[in-house]
N, C-alpha and C. Protein backbone atom coordinates (compact mmCIF):
# COMPACT_ATOMS: atom_id res chain seq x y z
N UNK A 1 0.80 -0.98 0.07
CA UNK A 1 -0.11 -0.37 0.03
C UNK A 1 0.53 0.89 -0.02
N UNK A 2 1.12 2.01 -1.00
CA UNK A 2 1.15 3.27 -0.94
C UNK A 2 0.86 4.50 -0.23
N UNK A 3 1.47 5.56 0.69
CA UNK A 3 1.06 5.88 1.25
C UNK A 3 2.12 7.41 0.99
N UNK A 4 1.66 8.03 0.78
CA UNK A 4 1.86 9.34 0.53
C UNK A 4 2.54 10.62 1.62
N UNK A 5 3.54 11.23 1.63
CA UNK A 5 3.75 12.26 2.56
C UNK A 5 2.71 13.50 2.65
N UNK A 6 2.35 14.07 4.25
CA UNK A 6 1.66 15.29 4.31
C UNK A 6 2.23 16.14 3.38
N UNK A 7 1.22 17.42 2.83
CA UNK A 7 1.30 18.54 2.18
C UNK A 7 1.62 19.59 3.23
N UNK A 8 2.92 19.98 2.37
CA UNK A 8 3.53 21.19 2.43
C UNK A 8 2.57 22.24 2.98
N UNK A 9 1.55 22.18 2.37
CA UNK A 9 0.73 23.87 2.37
C UNK A 9 -0.56 22.50 2.58
N UNK A 10 -1.76 23.60 3.20
CA UNK A 10 -2.93 22.98 3.51
C UNK A 10 -3.56 24.03 2.61
N UNK A 11 -4.89 23.19 1.40
CA UNK A 11 -5.58 24.15 0.79
C UNK A 11 -7.31 24.68 1.37
N UNK A 12 -7.47 25.84 1.84
CA UNK A 12 -8.24 25.43 2.41
C UNK A 12 -9.96 26.74 1.72
N UNK A 13 -11.13 26.61 1.11
CA UNK A 13 -11.73 26.97 0.91
C UNK A 13 -12.45 28.22 1.40
N UNK A 14 -12.42 29.18 1.07
CA UNK A 14 -13.19 29.68 2.65
C UNK A 14 -14.84 30.37 1.49
N UNK A 15 -14.68 30.86 0.77
CA UNK A 15 -16.13 31.40 -0.17
C UNK A 15 -16.19 31.23 -1.36
N UNK A 16 -16.86 31.08 -2.19
CA UNK A 16 -17.43 30.99 -3.26
C UNK A 16 -17.62 32.60 -4.17
N UNK A 17 -17.15 32.26 -5.40
CA UNK A 17 -17.57 34.03 -5.72
C UNK A 17 -18.96 33.81 -7.23
N UNK A 18 -20.47 33.56 -7.34
CA UNK A 18 -20.91 33.61 -7.90
C UNK A 18 -20.59 34.71 -9.12
N UNK A 19 -20.54 33.78 -10.54
CA UNK A 19 -20.75 35.16 -11.70
C UNK A 19 -22.50 35.31 -11.75
N UNK A 20 -22.23 36.40 -12.21
CA UNK A 20 -23.92 36.78 -12.82
C UNK A 20 -23.93 36.94 -14.10
N UNK A 21 -23.87 35.25 -15.35
CA UNK A 21 -24.09 34.90 -15.93
C UNK A 21 -24.56 34.03 -16.78
N UNK A 22 -25.09 33.80 -14.81
CA UNK A 22 -26.22 32.72 -15.39
C UNK A 22 -27.68 33.35 -16.51
N UNK A 23 -27.63 34.90 -16.96
CA UNK A 23 -28.70 34.95 -17.38
C UNK A 23 -28.43 34.81 -18.86
N UNK A 24 -27.08 34.38 -19.20
CA UNK A 24 -26.93 34.34 -20.69
C UNK A 24 -27.55 32.77 -20.72
N UNK A 25 -27.30 31.60 -19.86
CA UNK A 25 -27.76 30.40 -20.22
C UNK A 25 -25.96 29.69 -19.17
N UNK A 26 -24.94 29.96 -19.77
CA UNK A 26 -24.48 29.70 -19.67
C UNK A 26 -23.87 29.48 -17.78
N UNK A 27 -23.50 27.79 -17.55
CA UNK A 27 -23.61 27.72 -16.09
C UNK A 27 -21.86 27.10 -16.29
N UNK A 28 -21.16 28.29 -15.37
CA UNK A 28 -19.60 28.06 -15.12
C UNK A 28 -19.68 27.76 -13.77
N UNK A 29 -18.68 27.69 -13.75
CA UNK A 29 -18.27 26.92 -11.95
C UNK A 29 -18.10 27.84 -11.66
N UNK A 30 -18.40 27.98 -9.93
CA UNK A 30 -17.81 29.19 -9.57
C UNK A 30 -17.08 29.34 -8.99
N UNK A 31 -15.67 30.56 -8.95
CA UNK A 31 -14.73 30.61 -8.01
C UNK A 31 -14.83 30.27 -6.57
N UNK A 32 -13.26 30.46 -6.59
CA UNK A 32 -13.17 29.96 -5.01
C UNK A 32 -12.00 30.16 -4.71
N UNK A 33 -11.96 31.58 -3.52
CA UNK A 33 -11.00 31.88 -3.28
C UNK A 33 -10.11 30.76 -2.14
N UNK A 34 -8.86 31.10 -2.80
CA UNK A 34 -8.08 29.86 -1.92
C UNK A 34 -7.57 30.46 -0.74
N UNK A 35 -7.36 29.82 0.48
CA UNK A 35 -6.41 29.91 1.55
C UNK A 35 -5.29 29.45 2.30
N UNK A 36 -4.18 29.21 1.86
CA UNK A 36 -2.92 28.01 1.28
C UNK A 36 -2.52 28.19 3.83
N UNK A 37 -1.95 27.57 3.76
CA UNK A 37 -0.92 28.00 5.23
C UNK A 37 -0.33 27.03 4.62
N UNK A 38 1.16 27.20 5.26
CA UNK A 38 2.42 26.73 4.90
C UNK A 38 2.40 25.19 6.69
N UNK A 39 2.84 24.23 6.55
CA UNK A 39 3.14 23.43 8.17
C UNK A 39 4.32 23.93 8.45
N UNK A 40 5.29 24.41 7.47
CA UNK A 40 7.64 24.09 7.02
C UNK A 40 7.55 25.85 7.16
N UNK A 41 6.80 26.75 6.69
CA UNK A 41 7.75 28.13 6.23
C UNK A 41 7.81 28.63 7.50
N UNK A 42 9.10 29.46 7.46
CA UNK A 42 10.00 29.48 8.71
C UNK A 42 10.40 28.77 10.01
N UNK A 43 10.66 27.75 8.75
CA UNK A 43 11.36 27.16 9.89
C UNK A 43 12.15 25.86 9.06
N UNK A 44 14.07 26.13 10.12
CA UNK A 44 15.24 26.39 9.37
C UNK A 44 14.34 24.58 9.16
N UNK A 45 15.96 24.26 8.10
CA UNK A 45 16.78 22.93 8.19
C UNK A 45 17.21 22.19 8.96
N UNK A 46 17.78 23.06 10.02
CA UNK A 46 18.61 22.87 10.72
C UNK A 46 17.40 22.05 11.29
N UNK A 47 16.54 22.54 12.32
CA UNK A 47 15.28 22.08 12.94
C UNK A 47 14.54 21.33 12.88
N UNK A 48 14.40 21.33 11.03
CA UNK A 48 13.52 19.83 10.23
C UNK A 48 14.28 18.58 11.09
N UNK A 49 15.24 18.66 10.48
CA UNK A 49 16.44 17.42 11.00
C UNK A 49 16.93 17.26 12.76
N UNK A 50 16.96 18.09 13.09
CA UNK A 50 16.31 17.77 14.82
C UNK A 50 15.49 17.13 14.83
N UNK A 51 14.11 17.34 14.60
CA UNK A 51 13.11 16.88 14.88
C UNK A 51 13.23 15.97 14.68
N UNK A 52 13.92 15.25 13.36
CA UNK A 52 13.45 14.03 12.96
C UNK A 52 14.32 13.38 13.59
N UNK A 53 15.71 13.64 14.07
CA UNK A 53 16.54 12.50 15.01
C UNK A 53 15.73 12.96 16.24
N UNK A 54 15.49 13.21 16.80
CA UNK A 54 15.28 13.57 18.18
C UNK A 54 13.56 12.15 17.97
N UNK A 55 12.79 12.33 17.04
CA UNK A 55 11.64 11.08 16.95
C UNK A 55 12.54 9.92 17.28
N UNK A 56 13.39 9.80 16.25
CA UNK A 56 14.01 8.34 16.05
C UNK A 56 14.86 8.37 17.18
N UNK A 57 15.43 8.99 18.18
CA UNK A 57 15.59 8.84 19.23
C UNK A 57 15.24 8.15 20.28
N UNK A 58 13.17 8.48 20.43
CA UNK A 58 12.72 8.27 20.91
C UNK A 58 11.74 6.88 20.57
N UNK A 59 11.74 6.63 18.90
CA UNK A 59 11.22 5.47 18.86
C UNK A 59 12.18 3.96 19.04
N UNK A 60 13.55 4.74 19.13
CA UNK A 60 15.12 3.25 19.59
C UNK A 60 14.79 3.50 21.08
N UNK A 61 14.70 3.94 22.05
CA UNK A 61 14.51 3.96 22.97
C UNK A 61 13.14 3.77 23.28
N UNK A 62 12.26 3.11 22.78
CA UNK A 62 11.32 2.69 23.08
C UNK A 62 11.43 0.87 23.16
N UNK A 63 11.95 0.91 21.48
CA UNK A 63 12.27 -0.36 21.21
C UNK A 63 13.22 -1.08 22.19
N UNK A 64 14.84 -0.47 22.06
CA UNK A 64 15.02 -0.81 23.76
C UNK A 64 14.09 -1.23 25.12
N UNK A 65 13.59 -0.23 25.29
CA UNK A 65 12.35 -0.95 26.86
C UNK A 65 11.68 -2.44 26.25
N UNK A 66 11.06 -2.04 25.11
CA UNK A 66 10.17 -3.57 24.90
C UNK A 66 10.98 -4.69 24.77
N UNK A 67 12.44 -4.28 24.12
CA UNK A 67 13.72 -5.39 24.68
C UNK A 67 14.13 -6.07 25.89
N UNK A 68 14.59 -5.35 26.30
CA UNK A 68 14.92 -5.39 27.45
C UNK A 68 13.96 -5.62 28.19
N UNK A 69 12.57 -5.63 27.96
CA UNK A 69 11.14 -6.04 28.85
C UNK A 69 11.01 -7.78 28.98
N UNK A 70 11.86 -7.87 27.38
CA UNK A 70 10.33 -8.95 27.10
C UNK A 70 12.30 -10.18 27.60
N UNK A 71 13.28 -9.79 27.98
CA UNK A 71 14.31 -10.63 27.97
C UNK A 71 14.02 -10.90 29.30
N UNK A 72 14.67 -10.07 30.38
CA UNK A 72 13.61 -9.61 31.40
C UNK A 72 12.52 -11.20 32.51
N UNK A 73 11.39 -10.98 31.33
CA UNK A 73 10.09 -12.24 31.25
C UNK A 73 10.79 -13.62 31.20
N UNK A 74 11.52 -13.02 30.09
CA UNK A 74 12.05 -14.69 29.60
C UNK A 74 12.54 -14.94 30.71
N UNK A 75 13.40 -14.18 30.88
CA UNK A 75 14.53 -14.59 32.13
C UNK A 75 14.40 -15.26 32.68
N UNK A 76 13.53 -14.63 33.15
CA UNK A 76 12.26 -15.33 35.03
C UNK A 76 11.76 -16.03 34.71
N UNK A 77 10.89 -16.53 33.25
CA UNK A 77 10.50 -17.88 33.47
C UNK A 77 11.87 -19.36 33.33
N UNK A 78 12.53 -19.02 32.14
CA UNK A 78 13.34 -19.31 32.50
C UNK A 78 13.72 -20.32 33.98
N UNK A 79 14.61 -18.61 34.55
CA UNK A 79 14.88 -19.29 35.94
C UNK A 79 13.53 -20.55 36.86
N UNK A 80 12.16 -20.15 36.67
CA UNK A 80 11.15 -21.61 37.12
C UNK A 80 11.44 -22.71 37.02
N UNK A 81 11.00 -22.48 35.20
CA UNK A 81 11.55 -23.99 35.07
C UNK A 81 12.78 -24.68 35.26
N UNK A 82 13.43 -23.96 35.79
CA UNK A 82 15.07 -24.77 35.77
C UNK A 82 14.95 -24.81 37.14
N UNK A 83 14.80 -24.57 37.91
CA UNK A 83 14.38 -24.67 39.41
C UNK A 83 13.00 -26.35 39.93
N UNK A 84 12.21 -25.82 38.59
CA UNK A 84 11.06 -26.95 39.43
C UNK A 84 11.80 -28.26 38.67
N UNK A 85 12.55 -28.45 37.20
CA UNK A 85 13.20 -29.13 37.31
C UNK A 85 13.72 -30.11 37.51
N UNK A 86 14.89 -29.29 38.69
CA UNK A 86 15.67 -29.29 40.05
C UNK A 86 14.78 -30.08 41.00
N UNK A 87 13.48 -29.13 41.63
CA UNK A 87 12.77 -29.55 42.33
C UNK A 87 12.30 -31.18 43.01
N UNK A 88 12.15 -31.60 41.58
CA UNK A 88 10.85 -33.04 40.46
C UNK A 88 12.19 -33.59 40.86
N UNK A 89 13.85 -33.40 40.69
CA UNK A 89 14.48 -34.33 39.99
C UNK A 89 14.87 -34.98 41.69
N UNK A 90 14.86 -33.88 42.23
CA UNK A 90 15.13 -34.49 44.01
C UNK A 90 14.36 -35.37 44.42
N UNK A 91 12.89 -34.48 44.18
CA UNK A 91 11.50 -35.66 45.15
C UNK A 91 11.81 -36.71 43.87
N UNK A 92 12.39 -37.37 43.10
CA UNK A 92 12.53 -38.53 42.61
C UNK A 92 13.07 -39.49 43.01
N UNK A 93 14.13 -38.47 43.24
CA UNK A 93 15.77 -39.29 44.01
C UNK A 93 14.79 -39.86 45.66
N UNK A 94 14.78 -38.97 46.50
CA UNK A 94 13.68 -39.22 47.34
C UNK A 94 13.03 -40.71 47.27
N UNK A 95 12.14 -40.36 46.90
CA UNK A 95 11.42 -41.92 46.38
C UNK A 95 11.21 -42.68 46.06
N UNK A 96 10.65 -43.49 45.99
CA UNK A 96 11.11 -45.11 45.63
C UNK A 96 10.09 -45.48 44.26
N UNK A 97 9.32 -44.92 43.57
CA UNK A 97 8.78 -44.26 42.35
C UNK A 97 8.02 -43.76 42.11
N UNK A 98 7.82 -42.84 40.68
CA UNK A 98 7.47 -41.46 40.62
C UNK A 98 5.73 -42.18 40.69
N UNK A 99 5.94 -43.62 40.14
CA UNK A 99 4.12 -44.23 40.14
C UNK A 99 4.58 -44.56 40.99
N UNK A 100 4.45 -44.50 41.77
CA UNK A 100 3.48 -45.91 43.35
C UNK A 100 2.18 -44.44 43.56
N UNK A 101 2.25 -43.32 43.23
CA UNK A 101 0.99 -43.07 43.92
C UNK A 101 -0.31 -43.36 42.87
N UNK A 102 0.53 -43.30 41.97
CA UNK A 102 -0.56 -43.73 40.57
C UNK A 102 -1.37 -44.57 40.78
N UNK A 103 -0.37 -46.09 41.22
CA UNK A 103 -0.68 -47.24 41.48
C UNK A 103 -1.72 -47.32 42.23
N UNK A 104 -1.46 -46.73 43.45
CA UNK A 104 -2.22 -46.50 44.55
C UNK A 104 -3.39 -46.58 44.67
N UNK A 105 -3.56 -44.88 44.19
CA UNK A 105 -4.89 -44.66 43.80
C UNK A 105 -5.78 -45.32 42.79
N UNK A 106 -4.77 -46.41 41.65
CA UNK A 106 -5.64 -47.35 41.31
C UNK A 106 -6.57 -48.84 41.61
N UNK A 107 -5.22 -49.07 42.43
CA UNK A 107 -5.86 -50.18 43.34
C UNK A 107 -6.99 -49.48 44.44
N UNK A 108 -6.95 -48.38 44.77
CA UNK A 108 -8.28 -48.01 45.94
C UNK A 108 -9.02 -47.60 45.03
N UNK A 109 -9.29 -47.77 44.33
CA UNK A 109 -10.97 -46.68 43.22
C UNK A 109 -11.24 -48.39 42.80
N UNK A 110 -10.59 -49.24 41.95
CA UNK A 110 -10.70 -50.65 42.11
C UNK A 110 -11.22 -51.56 43.14
N UNK A 111 -10.72 -51.56 44.65
CA UNK A 111 -11.22 -52.09 45.47
C UNK A 111 -12.60 -51.28 45.77
N UNK A 112 -12.90 -50.02 45.86
CA UNK A 112 -14.17 -49.50 45.58
C UNK A 112 -15.10 -49.35 44.84
N UNK A 113 -14.54 -50.04 43.87
CA UNK A 113 -16.12 -50.36 42.90
C UNK A 113 -15.84 -52.13 43.16
N UNK A 114 -15.38 -52.76 43.74
CA UNK A 114 -15.44 -54.07 44.00
C UNK A 114 -16.38 -54.32 45.21
N UNK A 115 -16.67 -53.30 45.93
CA UNK A 115 -17.11 -52.89 46.82
C UNK A 115 -18.62 -53.15 47.33
N UNK A 116 -18.71 -51.76 46.19
CA UNK A 116 -20.07 -51.38 45.83
C UNK A 116 -20.77 -52.38 44.91
N UNK A 117 -19.93 -53.10 44.14
CA UNK A 117 -20.71 -54.62 43.25
C UNK A 117 -21.53 -55.40 44.02
N UNK A 118 -20.25 -55.56 45.08
CA UNK A 118 -20.63 -56.61 46.34
C UNK A 118 -22.11 -56.10 46.92
N UNK A 119 -21.65 -54.87 47.53
CA UNK A 119 -23.24 -54.64 48.53
C UNK A 119 -24.40 -54.84 47.98
N UNK A 120 -24.10 -53.97 46.26
CA UNK A 120 -25.45 -54.17 45.28
C UNK A 120 -26.32 -55.32 45.36
């Protein structure tokens, strides 16, 4: 998509002047007085470049803050995952088997269903 730069002059139409040519049957378009306002009139090139450099620095500062924030949040998540892994590793080495609790729960649920079937 093409985007054009903003115009250096803005044209404002203020009033129309109708000519009395309608008597002859000729329809002429009305004349429109133009009022122009220049945005950059009276501004030196040095000031324009200074403003451009200022906005470029502001943009780069925002980008740097965004990158630092992303690195900080990723770094924090990374350490959280590593600590969780270390805690899990320590708990596995101290327990008999990580699946023992699951197997015990399955046995208990089987016993409860057998007891319910016998009583029914």
